[in-house]
């Protein structure tokens, strides 16, 4: 009996992960068109900036960070120092430090190379969907987490890379009058709105939005950097103030 149970347990676990994977794909599927459009816009921007085909493909597969790519491309075109480009991309992607800190405990049982692999695929949409399925109180459970995470991230990755490759290959033939960039904006909104789950997040979004508009005229898209920093700071301050008020 024990041999039978031992032989069927891995199959049951595998079935659970497969079901969780399908759930992740289903949860992410509604955003695929918007993410693909955003990827297409980024692919077009890389080509129009002057990157070669292989440079653009290398950037989309290695960097895989739309906001950082769009923020760094004008700097590359302006021939600014390399350290400025890297610093810009780093600041724009600081949010992933917060995302990783929130999700990492759920994968603490995995070896480091698997965590590194999953980290590459982590995206904004992950933070919008994963905590809904696995809130903080489930941190000690392991069942279904890898499958659900992969279902979200692999779907998002394929949509992004597919759109990006189309933008790279056909960018010069797609008229700007099609307004594809607006579809990318809608995709960002679809990701951002679910993240605004409490007052602290709302404060961060409002502050970042106001700063981004007010500082839009700054060179090298520094307004985006300023918006990210001040938005994150405002959200953290609001969260701390909320905790202190709750304890009072």
Foldseek 3Di string as FASTA:
>chain_A
DVVVCVVCVVVVLVVQLQVLLVVLLVVQVVLLVLLLLLLLVLLLLCVVLPDDLVRLLCCCVVVVDSVLSVLLSVVVSVVDDPVVSVVSSCLLPVVVVVVCVQCVLLVVVPDPVVVVVLSVLDDLQCSLPLCVVPPPVNSPDNRNNVSSSCSNRVSSSCSNSNSSNCNNVCVVVDDCVVVSVVSNVVSVVVSLVSVCPDPLSVQLVVQLVVQLVVCVPDPSSVSNSVSSVVSVVSSVVVVVVVVVVVVD
